[in-house]
C-alpha cells in the first residue's frame, strides 16, 4: 500500500517504522489519526489516504457480512462490536444497545 503512495523508494523500512510506532499492529496503524501517522518521516497525505481507504474497506466488509443477520447474539459479540467500532476513537462515544427480542 505504501509503495503506491511513493513508488520512488523502498517502503519496507517505512512500513516497519509504522508498525514499531503503533504497537506492531496493522490494525493500530490503519486506525491511527492522520496527524499521528504523519509523525513518521516519509508519511504524507497520499500514504495516509491509502491507509484510511483500507480501514474504510475493512469496516464496510464487516458491515456487509452482518446485514440481515442477528447482529449481537452473545456478550462476546457485543464486546467485539464495541471494540471494532469505538476502541480506537479519539472522541468518547456513547451507544445504546437493546435486545429486540
PDB file of N, CA and C in Angstrom:
ATOM      1  N   UNK A   1       0.807  -1.188   0.000  1.00  0.00           N
ATOM      2  CA  UNK A   1       0.000   0.000   0.000  1.00  0.00           C
ATOM      3  C   UNK A   1       0.857   1.261   0.000  1.00  0.00           C
ATOM      4  N   UNK A   2       1.892   1.249   0.766  1.00  0.00           N
ATOM      5  CA  UNK A   2       2.756   2.425   0.852  1.00  0.00           C
ATOM      6  C   UNK A   2       3.500   2.661  -0.454  1.00  0.00           C
ATOM      7  N   UNK A   3       3.823   1.590  -1.163  1.00  0.00           N
ATOM      8  CA  UNK A   3       4.533   1.717  -2.430  1.00  0.00           C
ATOM      9  C   UNK A   3       3.703   2.534  -3.419  1.00  0.00           C
ATOM     10  N   UNK A   4       2.407   2.324  -3.439  1.00  0.00           N
ATOM     11  CA  UNK A   4       1.538   3.078  -4.338  1.00  0.00           C
ATOM     12  C   UNK A   4       1.528   4.563  -4.029  1.00  0.00           C
ATOM     13  N   UNK A   5       1.779   4.916  -2.779  1.00  0.00           N
ATOM     14  CA  UNK A   5       1.811   6.325  -2.384  1.00  0.00           C
ATOM     15  C   UNK A   5       3.165   6.961  -2.669  1.00  0.00           C
ATOM     16  N   UNK A   6       4.206   6.128  -2.741  1.00  0.00           N
ATOM     17  CA  UNK A   6       5.556   6.641  -3.003  1.00  0.00           C
ATOM     18  C   UNK A   6       6.355   5.560  -3.720  1.00  0.00           C
ATOM     19  N   UNK A   7       6.166   5.490  -5.019  1.00  0.00           N
ATOM     20  CA  UNK A   7       6.779   4.418  -5.809  1.00  0.00           C
ATOM     21  C   UNK A   7       8.261   4.637  -6.084  1.00  0.00           C
ATOM     22  N   UNK A   8       8.822   5.752  -5.643  1.00  0.00           N
ATOM     23  CA  UNK A   8      10.218   6.057  -5.951  1.00  0.00           C
ATOM     24  C   UNK A   8      11.198   5.511  -4.924  1.00  0.00           C
ATOM     25  N   UNK A   9      10.701   4.887  -3.866  1.00  0.00           N
ATOM     26  CA  UNK A   9      11.644   4.402  -2.858  1.00  0.00           C
ATOM     27  C   UNK A   9      11.155   3.078  -2.265  1.00  0.00           C
ATOM     28  N   UNK A  10      12.060   2.427  -1.556  1.00  0.00           N
ATOM     29  CA  UNK A  10      11.740   1.190  -0.854  1.00  0.00           C
ATOM     30  C   UNK A  10      10.892   1.549   0.370  1.00  0.00           C
ATOM     31  N   UNK A  11       9.686   1.049   0.434  1.00  0.00           N
ATOM     32  CA  UNK A  11       8.781   1.416   1.532  1.00  0.00           C
ATOM     33  C   UNK A  11       8.800   0.414   2.688  1.00  0.00           C
ATOM     34  N   UNK A  12       9.584  -0.637   2.563  1.00  0.00           N
ATOM     35  CA  UNK A  12       9.644  -1.630   3.634  1.00  0.00           C
ATOM     36  C   UNK A  12      10.121  -1.016   4.961  1.00  0.00           C
ATOM     37  N   UNK A  13      11.181  -0.201   4.970  1.00  0.00           N
ATOM     38  CA  UNK A  13      11.601   0.414   6.236  1.00  0.00           C
ATOM     39  C   UNK A  13      10.513   1.325   6.819  1.00  0.00           C
ATOM     40  N   UNK A  14       9.789   2.007   5.951  1.00  0.00           N
ATOM     41  CA  UNK A  14       8.697   2.870   6.395  1.00  0.00           C
ATOM     42  C   UNK A  14       7.579   2.052   7.039  1.00  0.00           C
ATOM     43  N   UNK A  15       7.241   0.941   6.420  1.00  0.00           N
ATOM     44  CA  UNK A  15       6.219   0.058   6.979  1.00  0.00           C
ATOM     45  C   UNK A  15       6.658  -0.480   8.339  1.00  0.00           C
ATOM     46  N   UNK A  16       7.913  -0.854   8.438  1.00  0.00           N
ATOM     47  CA  UNK A  16       8.432  -1.351   9.723  1.00  0.00           C
ATOM     48  C   UNK A  16       8.381  -0.269  10.794  1.00  0.00           C
ATOM     49  N   UNK A  17       8.690   0.966  10.411  1.00  0.00           N
ATOM     50  CA  UNK A  17       8.659   2.071  11.370  1.00  0.00           C
ATOM     51  C   UNK A  17       7.222   2.343  11.845  1.00  0.00           C
ATOM     52  N   UNK A  18       6.279   2.274  10.929  1.00  0.00           N
ATOM     53  CA  UNK A  18       4.873   2.443  11.320  1.00  0.00           C
ATOM     54  C   UNK A  18       4.440   1.367  12.304  1.00  0.00           C
ATOM     55  N   UNK A  19       4.782   0.125  11.993  1.00  0.00           N
ATOM     56  CA  UNK A  19       4.405  -0.972  12.889  1.00  0.00           C
ATOM     57  C   UNK A  19       5.058  -0.811  14.259  1.00  0.00           C
ATOM     58  N   UNK A  20       6.311  -0.383  14.273  1.00  0.00           N
ATOM     59  CA  UNK A  20       7.012  -0.183  15.547  1.00  0.00           C
ATOM     60  C   UNK A  20       6.331   0.916  16.371  1.00  0.00           C
ATOM     61  N   UNK A  21       5.959   1.990  15.721  1.00  0.00           N
ATOM     62  CA  UNK A  21       5.331   3.124  16.414  1.00  0.00           C
ATOM     63  C   UNK A  21       3.955   2.765  16.964  1.00  0.00           C
ATOM     64  N   UNK A  22       3.248   1.891  16.274  1.00  0.00           N
ATOM     65  CA  UNK A  22       1.873   1.557  16.657  1.00  0.00           C
ATOM     66  C   UNK A  22       1.755   0.118  17.155  1.00  0.00           C
ATOM     67  N   UNK A  23       2.582  -0.215  18.106  1.00  0.00           N
ATOM     68  CA  UNK A  23       2.491  -1.488  18.842  1.00  0.00           C
ATOM     69  C   UNK A  23       2.559  -2.734  17.969  1.00  0.00           C
ATOM     70  N   UNK A  24       3.293  -2.651  16.866  1.00  0.00           N
ATOM     71  CA  UNK A  24       3.454  -3.800  15.961  1.00  0.00           C
ATOM     72  C   UNK A  24       2.113  -4.356  15.474  1.00  0.00           C
ATOM     73  N   UNK A  25       1.143  -3.470  15.299  1.00  0.00           N
ATOM     74  CA  UNK A  25      -0.201  -3.884  14.914  1.00  0.00           C
ATOM     75  C   UNK A  25      -0.674  -3.115  13.685  1.00  0.00           C
ATOM     76  N   UNK A  26      -0.972  -3.848  12.629  1.00  0.00           N
ATOM     77  CA  UNK A  26      -1.502  -3.225  11.415  1.00  0.00           C
ATOM     78  C   UNK A  26      -2.837  -2.551  11.710  1.00  0.00           C
ATOM     79  N   UNK A  27      -3.643  -3.175  12.572  1.00  0.00           N
ATOM     80  CA  UNK A  27      -4.936  -2.596  12.958  1.00  0.00           C
ATOM     81  C   UNK A  27      -4.719  -1.230  13.606  1.00  0.00           C
ATOM     82  N   UNK A  28      -3.729  -1.125  14.472  1.00  0.00           N
ATOM     83  CA  UNK A  28      -3.432   0.161  15.119  1.00  0.00           C
ATOM     84  C   UNK A  28      -2.952   1.183  14.094  1.00  0.00           C
ATOM     85  N   UNK A  29      -2.204   0.738  13.112  1.00  0.00           N
ATOM     86  CA  UNK A  29      -1.715   1.655  12.072  1.00  0.00           C
ATOM     87  C   UNK A  29      -2.885   2.233  11.293  1.00  0.00           C
ATOM     88  N   UNK A  30      -3.778   1.402  10.791  1.00  0.00           N
ATOM     89  CA  UNK A  30      -4.873   1.922   9.962  1.00  0.00           C
ATOM     90  C   UNK A  30      -5.901   2.699  10.781  1.00  0.00           C
ATOM     91  N   UNK A  31      -5.935   2.485  12.086  1.00  0.00           N
ATOM     92  CA  UNK A  31      -6.859   3.223  12.936  1.00  0.00           C
ATOM     93  C   UNK A  31      -6.254   4.496  13.525  1.00  0.00           C
ATOM     94  N   UNK A  32      -4.976   4.689  13.347  1.00  0.00           N
ATOM     95  CA  UNK A  32      -4.305   5.865  13.910  1.00  0.00           C
ATOM     96  C   UNK A  32      -4.807   7.141  13.237  1.00  0.00           C
ATOM     97  N   UNK A  33      -4.901   8.223  14.004  1.00  0.00           N
ATOM     98  CA  UNK A  33      -5.290   9.512  13.411  1.00  0.00           C
ATOM     99  C   UNK A  33      -4.237   9.978  12.396  1.00  0.00           C
ATOM    100  N   UNK A  34      -4.673  10.664  11.361  1.00  0.00           N
ATOM    101  CA  UNK A  34      -3.730  11.136  10.337  1.00  0.00           C
ATOM    102  C   UNK A  34      -2.546  11.919  10.907  1.00  0.00           C
ATOM    103  N   UNK A  35      -2.797  12.737  11.911  1.00  0.00           N
ATOM    104  CA  UNK A  35      -1.704  13.536  12.482  1.00  0.00           C
ATOM    105  C   UNK A  35      -0.621  12.643  13.078  1.00  0.00           C
ATOM    106  N   UNK A  36      -1.039  11.572  13.740  1.00  0.00           N
ATOM    107  CA  UNK A  36      -0.063  10.647  14.341  1.00  0.00           C
ATOM    108  C   UNK A  36       0.696   9.897  13.256  1.00  0.00           C
ATOM    109  N   UNK A  37       0.007   9.494  12.199  1.00  0.00           N
ATOM    110  CA  UNK A  37       0.683   8.807  11.098  1.00  0.00           C
ATOM    111  C   UNK A  37       1.750   9.705  10.484  1.00  0.00           C
ATOM    112  N   UNK A  38       1.423  10.974  10.331  1.00  0.00           N
ATOM    113  CA  UNK A  38       2.353  11.917   9.707  1.00  0.00           C
ATOM    114  C   UNK A  38       3.557  12.236  10.588  1.00  0.00           C
ATOM    115  N   UNK A  39       3.538  11.812  11.834  1.00  0.00           N
ATOM    116  CA  UNK A  39       4.703  11.971  12.699  1.00  0.00           C
ATOM    117  C   UNK A  39       5.867  11.107  12.222  1.00  0.00           C
ATOM    118  N   UNK A  40       5.544  10.080  11.445  1.00  0.00           N
ATOM    119  CA  UNK A  40       6.571   9.195  10.887  1.00  0.00           C
ATOM    120  C   UNK A  40       7.108   9.838   9.610  1.00  0.00           C
ATOM    121  N   UNK A  41       8.409  10.082   9.585  1.00  0.00           N
ATOM    122  CA  UNK A  41       9.025  10.723   8.427  1.00  0.00           C
ATOM    123  C   UNK A  41       8.789   9.872   7.181  1.00  0.00           C
ATOM    124  N   UNK A  42       8.280  10.506   6.141  1.00  0.00           N
ATOM    125  CA  UNK A  42       8.002   9.793   4.891  1.00  0.00           C
ATOM    126  C   UNK A  42       6.522   9.520   4.690  1.00  0.00           C
ATOM    127  N   UNK A  43       5.717   9.735   5.719  1.00  0.00           N
ATOM    128  CA  UNK A  43       4.275   9.537   5.587  1.00  0.00           C
ATOM    129  C   UNK A  43       3.636  10.891   5.288  1.00  0.00           C
ATOM    130  N   UNK A  44       3.032  10.981   4.119  1.00  0.00           N
ATOM    131  CA  UNK A  44       2.349  12.204   3.709  1.00  0.00           C
ATOM    132  C   UNK A  44       0.877  11.940   3.481  1.00  0.00           C
ATOM    133  N   UNK A  45       0.225  12.886   2.871  1.00  0.00           N
ATOM    134  CA  UNK A  45      -1.212  12.782   2.629  1.00  0.00           C
ATOM    135  C   UNK A  45      -1.582  11.553   1.795  1.00  0.00           C
ATOM    136  N   UNK A  46      -0.785  11.252   0.783  1.00  0.00           N
ATOM    137  CA  UNK A  46      -1.098  10.114  -0.089  1.00  0.00           C
ATOM    138  C   UNK A  46      -1.059   8.799   0.689  1.00  0.00           C
ATOM    139  N   UNK A  47      -0.050   8.628   1.529  1.00  0.00           N
ATOM    140  CA  UNK A  47       0.056   7.391   2.322  1.00  0.00           C
ATOM    141  C   UNK A  47      -1.073   7.304   3.337  1.00  0.00           C
ATOM    142  N   UNK A  48      -1.390   8.429   3.979  1.00  0.00           N
ATOM    143  CA  UNK A  48      -2.494   8.441   4.946  1.00  0.00           C
ATOM    144  C   UNK A  48      -3.790   8.062   4.248  1.00  0.00           C
ATOM    145  N   UNK A  49      -4.029   8.631   3.074  1.00  0.00           N
ATOM    146  CA  UNK A  49      -5.252   8.323   2.324  1.00  0.00           C
ATOM    147  C   UNK A  49      -5.342   6.838   2.004  1.00  0.00           C
ATOM    148  N   UNK A  50      -4.241   6.247   1.565  1.00  0.00           N
ATOM    149  CA  UNK A  50      -4.247   4.817   1.244  1.00  0.00           C
ATOM    150  C   UNK A  50      -4.561   3.975   2.482  1.00  0.00           C
ATOM    151  N   UNK A  51      -3.980   4.327   3.620  1.00  0.00           N
ATOM    152  CA  UNK A  51      -4.240   3.577   4.849  1.00  0.00           C
ATOM    153  C   UNK A  51      -5.684   3.736   5.295  1.00  0.00           C
ATOM    154  N   UNK A  52      -6.246   4.910   5.143  1.00  0.00           N
ATOM    155  CA  UNK A  52      -7.636   5.154   5.547  1.00  0.00           C
ATOM    156  C   UNK A  52      -8.615   4.461   4.599  1.00  0.00           C
ATOM    157  N   UNK A  53      -8.245   4.302   3.338  1.00  0.00           N
ATOM    158  CA  UNK A  53      -9.092   3.564   2.397  1.00  0.00           C
ATOM    159  C   UNK A  53      -9.157   2.090   2.810  1.00  0.00           C
ATOM    160  N   UNK A  54      -8.021   1.544   3.226  1.00  0.00           N
ATOM    161  CA  UNK A  54      -8.003   0.154   3.698  1.00  0.00           C
ATOM    162  C   UNK A  54      -8.911   0.006   4.919  1.00  0.00           C
ATOM    163  N   UNK A  55      -8.832   0.964   5.847  1.00  0.00           N
ATOM    164  CA  UNK A  55      -9.674   0.918   7.049  1.00  0.00           C
ATOM    165  C   UNK A  55     -11.151   0.974   6.656  1.00  0.00           C
ATOM    166  N   UNK A  56     -11.505   1.892   5.766  1.00  0.00           N
ATOM    167  CA  UNK A  56     -12.895   2.031   5.340  1.00  0.00           C
ATOM    168  C   UNK A  56     -13.392   0.758   4.663  1.00  0.00           C
ATOM    169  N   UNK A  57     -12.546   0.147   3.844  1.00  0.00           N
ATOM    170  CA  UNK A  57     -12.930  -1.096   3.168  1.00  0.00           C
ATOM    171  C   UNK A  57     -13.142  -2.222   4.173  1.00  0.00           C
ATOM    172  N   UNK A  58     -12.271  -2.300   5.167  1.00  0.00           N
ATOM    173  CA  UNK A  58     -12.413  -3.347   6.194  1.00  0.00           C
ATOM    174  C   UNK A  58     -13.703  -3.170   6.979  1.00  0.00           C
ATOM    175  N   UNK A  59     -14.022  -1.932   7.344  1.00  0.00           N
ATOM    176  CA  UNK A  59     -15.269  -1.682   8.070  1.00  0.00           C
ATOM    177  C   UNK A  59     -16.483  -1.994   7.203  1.00  0.00           C
ATOM    178  N   UNK A  60     -16.427  -1.627   5.937  1.00  0.00           N
ATOM    179  CA  UNK A  60     -17.541  -1.907   5.016  1.00  0.00           C
ATOM    180  C   UNK A  60     -17.740  -3.412   4.868  1.00  0.00           C
ATOM    181  N   UNK A  61     -16.647  -4.146   4.752  1.00  0.00           N
ATOM    182  CA  UNK A  61     -16.713  -5.604   4.648  1.00  0.00           C
ATOM    183  C   UNK A  61     -17.357  -6.194   5.894  1.00  0.00           C
ATOM    184  N   UNK A  62     -16.943  -5.699   7.063  1.00  0.00           N
ATOM    185  CA  UNK A  62     -17.512  -6.179   8.320  1.00  0.00           C
ATOM    186  C   UNK A  62     -19.012  -5.916   8.371  1.00  0.00           C
ATOM    187  N   UNK A  63     -19.426  -4.718   7.970  1.00  0.00           N
ATOM    188  CA  UNK A  63     -20.839  -4.364   8.000  1.00  0.00           C
ATOM    189  C   UNK A  63     -21.639  -5.219   7.025  1.00  0.00           C
ATOM    190  N   UNK A  64     -21.089  -5.443   5.840  1.00  0.00           N
ATOM    191  CA  UNK A  64     -21.792  -6.234   4.832  1.00  0.00           C
ATOM    192  C   UNK A  64     -21.985  -7.675   5.284  1.00  0.00           C
ATOM    193  N   UNK A  65     -21.075  -8.180   6.070  1.00  0.00           N
ATOM    194  CA  UNK A  65     -21.169  -9.575   6.498  1.00  0.00           C
ATOM    195  C   UNK A  65     -22.219  -9.790   7.581  1.00  0.00           C
ATOM    196  N   UNK A  66     -22.751  -8.701   8.164  1.00  0.00           N
ATOM    197  CA  UNK A  66     -23.733  -8.872   9.236  1.00  0.00           C
ATOM    198  C   UNK A  66     -25.127  -8.367   8.869  1.00  0.00           C
ATOM    199  N   UNK A  67     -25.290  -7.820   7.673  1.00  0.00           N
ATOM    200  CA  UNK A  67     -26.606  -7.328   7.263  1.00  0.00           C
ATOM    201  C   UNK A  67     -27.581  -8.500   7.180  1.00  0.00           C
ATOM    202  N   UNK A  68     -28.797  -8.266   7.651  1.00  0.00           N
ATOM    203  CA  UNK A  68     -29.888  -9.260   7.651  1.00  0.00           C
ATOM    204  C   UNK A  68     -29.586 -10.484   8.496  1.00  0.00           C
ATOM    205  N   UNK A  69     -28.756 -10.338   9.475  1.00  0.00           N
ATOM    206  CA  UNK A  69     -28.473 -11.426  10.414  1.00  0.00           C
ATOM    207  C   UNK A  69     -28.619 -10.878  11.824  1.00  0.00           C
ATOM    208  N   UNK A  70     -28.879 -11.755  12.786  1.00  0.00           N
ATOM    209  CA  UNK A  70     -28.874 -11.262  14.166  1.00  0.00           C
ATOM    210  C   UNK A  70     -27.496 -10.671  14.459  1.00  0.00           C
ATOM    211  N   UNK A  71     -27.484  -9.441  14.856  1.00  0.00           N
ATOM    212  CA  UNK A  71     -26.210  -8.743  14.995  1.00  0.00           C
ATOM    213  C   UNK A  71     -25.425  -9.190  16.208  1.00  0.00           C
ATOM    214  N   UNK A  72     -26.044  -9.133  17.362  1.00  0.00           N
ATOM    215  CA  UNK A  72     -25.324  -9.421  18.593  1.00  0.00           C
ATOM    216  C   UNK A  72     -26.093 -10.483  19.375  1.00  0.00           C
ATOM    217  N   UNK A  73     -25.616 -11.693  19.316  1.00  0.00           N
ATOM    218  CA  UNK A  73     -26.333 -12.781  19.978  1.00  0.00           C
ATOM    219  C   UNK A  73     -25.623 -13.282  21.231  1.00  0.00           C
ATOM    220  N   UNK A  74     -24.485 -12.680  21.554  1.00  0.00           N
ATOM    221  CA  UNK A  74     -23.772 -13.071  22.768  1.00  0.00           C
ATOM    222  C   UNK A  74     -22.976 -11.879  23.286  1.00  0.00           C
ATOM    223  N   UNK A  75     -22.560 -11.963  24.544  1.00  0.00           N
ATOM    224  CA  UNK A  75     -21.751 -10.894  25.111  1.00  0.00           C
ATOM    225  C   UNK A  75     -20.422 -10.763  24.378  1.00  0.00           C
ATOM    226  N   UNK A  76     -19.871 -11.878  23.924  1.00  0.00           N
ATOM    227  CA  UNK A  76     -18.616 -11.819  23.163  1.00  0.00           C
ATOM    228  C   UNK A  76     -18.790 -10.978  21.903  1.00  0.00           C
ATOM    229  N   UNK A  77     -19.930 -11.125  21.234  1.00  0.00           N
ATOM    230  CA  UNK A  77     -20.187 -10.344  20.033  1.00  0.00           C
ATOM    231  C   UNK A  77     -20.393  -8.868  20.363  1.00  0.00           C
ATOM    232  N   UNK A  78     -21.020  -8.574  21.510  1.00  0.00           N
ATOM    233  CA  UNK A  78     -21.191  -7.187  21.936  1.00  0.00           C
ATOM    234  C   UNK A  78     -19.825  -6.544  22.150  1.00  0.00           C
ATOM    235  N   UNK A  79     -18.943  -7.235  22.842  1.00  0.00           N
ATOM    236  CA  UNK A  79     -17.599  -6.718  23.101  1.00  0.00           C
ATOM    237  C   UNK A  79     -16.842  -6.535  21.784  1.00  0.00           C
ATOM    238  N   UNK A  80     -16.921  -7.519  20.904  1.00  0.00           N
ATOM    239  CA  UNK A  80     -16.231  -7.436  19.609  1.00  0.00           C
ATOM    240  C   UNK A  80     -16.742  -6.246  18.798  1.00  0.00           C
ATOM    241  N   UNK A  81     -18.050  -6.059  18.795  1.00  0.00           N
ATOM    242  CA  UNK A  81     -18.652  -4.928  18.082  1.00  0.00           C
ATOM    243  C   UNK A  81     -18.137  -3.599  18.646  1.00  0.00           C
ATOM    244  N   UNK A  82     -18.183  -3.465  19.952  1.00  0.00           N
ATOM    245  CA  UNK A  82     -17.746  -2.222  20.592  1.00  0.00           C
ATOM    246  C   UNK A  82     -16.264  -1.951  20.327  1.00  0.00           C
ATOM    247  N   UNK A  83     -15.453  -2.980  20.380  1.00  0.00           N
ATOM    248  CA  UNK A  83     -14.030  -2.801  20.108  1.00  0.00           C
ATOM    249  C   UNK A  83     -13.803  -2.368  18.667  1.00  0.00           C
ATOM    250  N   UNK A  84     -14.517  -2.998  17.738  1.00  0.00           N
ATOM    251  CA  UNK A  84     -14.327  -2.684  16.318  1.00  0.00           C
ATOM    252  C   UNK A  84     -14.772  -1.258  16.006  1.00  0.00           C
ATOM    253  N   UNK A  85     -15.863  -0.821  16.589  1.00  0.00           N
ATOM    254  CA  UNK A  85     -16.429   0.474  16.255  1.00  0.00           C
ATOM    255  C   UNK A  85     -15.857   1.633  17.065  1.00  0.00           C
ATOM    256  N   UNK A  86     -15.455   1.386  18.317  1.00  0.00           N
ATOM    257  CA  UNK A  86     -15.153   2.523  19.183  1.00  0.00           C
ATOM    258  C   UNK A  86     -13.793   2.498  19.866  1.00  0.00           C
ATOM    259  N   UNK A  87     -13.124   1.391  19.903  1.00  0.00           N
ATOM    260  CA  UNK A  87     -11.930   1.258  20.741  1.00  0.00           C
ATOM    261  C   UNK A  87     -10.835   2.254  20.405  1.00  0.00           C
ATOM    262  N   UNK A  88     -10.695   2.601  19.146  1.00  0.00           N
ATOM    263  CA  UNK A  88      -9.574   3.457  18.762  1.00  0.00           C
ATOM    264  C   UNK A  88      -9.998   4.873  18.400  1.00  0.00           C
ATOM    265  N   UNK A  89     -11.204   5.248  18.768  1.00  0.00           N
ATOM    266  CA  UNK A  89     -11.678   6.597  18.510  1.00  0.00           C
ATOM    267  C   UNK A  89     -11.071   7.566  19.511  1.00  0.00           C
ATOM    268  N   UNK A  90     -10.732   8.751  19.050  1.00  0.00           N
ATOM    269  CA  UNK A  90     -10.155   9.750  19.942  1.00  0.00           C
ATOM    270  C   UNK A  90     -11.226  10.443  20.777  1.00  0.00           C
ATOM    271  N   UNK A  91     -12.444  10.521  20.247  1.00  0.00           N
ATOM    272  CA  UNK A  91     -13.544  11.168  20.946  1.00  0.00           C
ATOM    273  C   UNK A  91     -14.417  10.089  21.576  1.00  0.00           C
ATOM    274  N   UNK A  92     -14.700  10.261  22.859  1.00  0.00           N
ATOM    275  CA  UNK A  92     -15.514   9.287  23.568  1.00  0.00           C
ATOM    276  C   UNK A  92     -16.888   9.180  22.919  1.00  0.00           C
ATOM    277  N   UNK A  93     -17.402   7.960  22.824  1.00  0.00           N
ATOM    278  CA  UNK A  93     -18.705   7.726  22.228  1.00  0.00           C
ATOM    279  C   UNK A  93     -19.618   7.033  23.230  1.00  0.00           C
ATOM    280  N   UNK A  94     -20.893   7.224  23.034  1.00  0.00           N
ATOM    281  CA  UNK A  94     -21.897   6.576  23.868  1.00  0.00           C
ATOM    282  C   UNK A  94     -22.871   5.888  22.931  1.00  0.00           C
ATOM    283  N   UNK A  95     -23.136   4.626  23.155  1.00  0.00           N
ATOM    284  CA  UNK A  95     -24.080   3.867  22.325  1.00  0.00           C
ATOM    285  C   UNK A  95     -25.055   3.134  23.221  1.00  0.00           C
ATOM    286  N   UNK A  96     -26.264   3.045  22.739  1.00  0.00           N
ATOM    287  CA  UNK A  96     -27.300   2.306  23.444  1.00  0.00           C
ATOM    288  C   UNK A  96     -27.595   1.059  22.639  1.00  0.00           C
ATOM    289  N   UNK A  97     -27.425  -0.087  23.255  1.00  0.00           N
ATOM    290  CA  UNK A  97     -27.744  -1.357  22.609  1.00  0.00           C
ATOM    291  C   UNK A  97     -28.928  -1.952  23.367  1.00  0.00           C
ATOM    292  N   UNK A  98     -29.871  -2.486  22.624  1.00  0.00           N
ATOM    293  CA  UNK A  98     -31.031  -3.074  23.299  1.00  0.00           C
ATOM    294  C   UNK A  98     -31.386  -4.404  22.665  1.00  0.00           C
ATOM    295  N   UNK A  99     -32.063  -5.209  23.427  1.00  0.00           N
ATOM    296  CA  UNK A  99     -32.491  -6.523  22.986  1.00  0.00           C
ATOM    297  C   UNK A  99     -33.842  -6.393  22.312  1.00  0.00           C
ATOM    298  N   UNK A 100     -33.919  -6.715  21.036  1.00  0.00           N
ATOM    299  CA  UNK A 100     -35.157  -6.571  20.268  1.00  0.00           C
ATOM    300  C   UNK A 100     -36.080  -7.765  20.417  1.00  0.00           C
ATOM    301  N   UNK A 101     -35.663  -8.782  21.129  1.00  0.00           N
ATOM    302  CA  UNK A 101     -36.497  -9.979  21.264  1.00  0.00           C
ATOM    303  C   UNK A 101     -37.415  -9.864  22.450  1.00  0.00           C
TER     304      UNK A 101
END
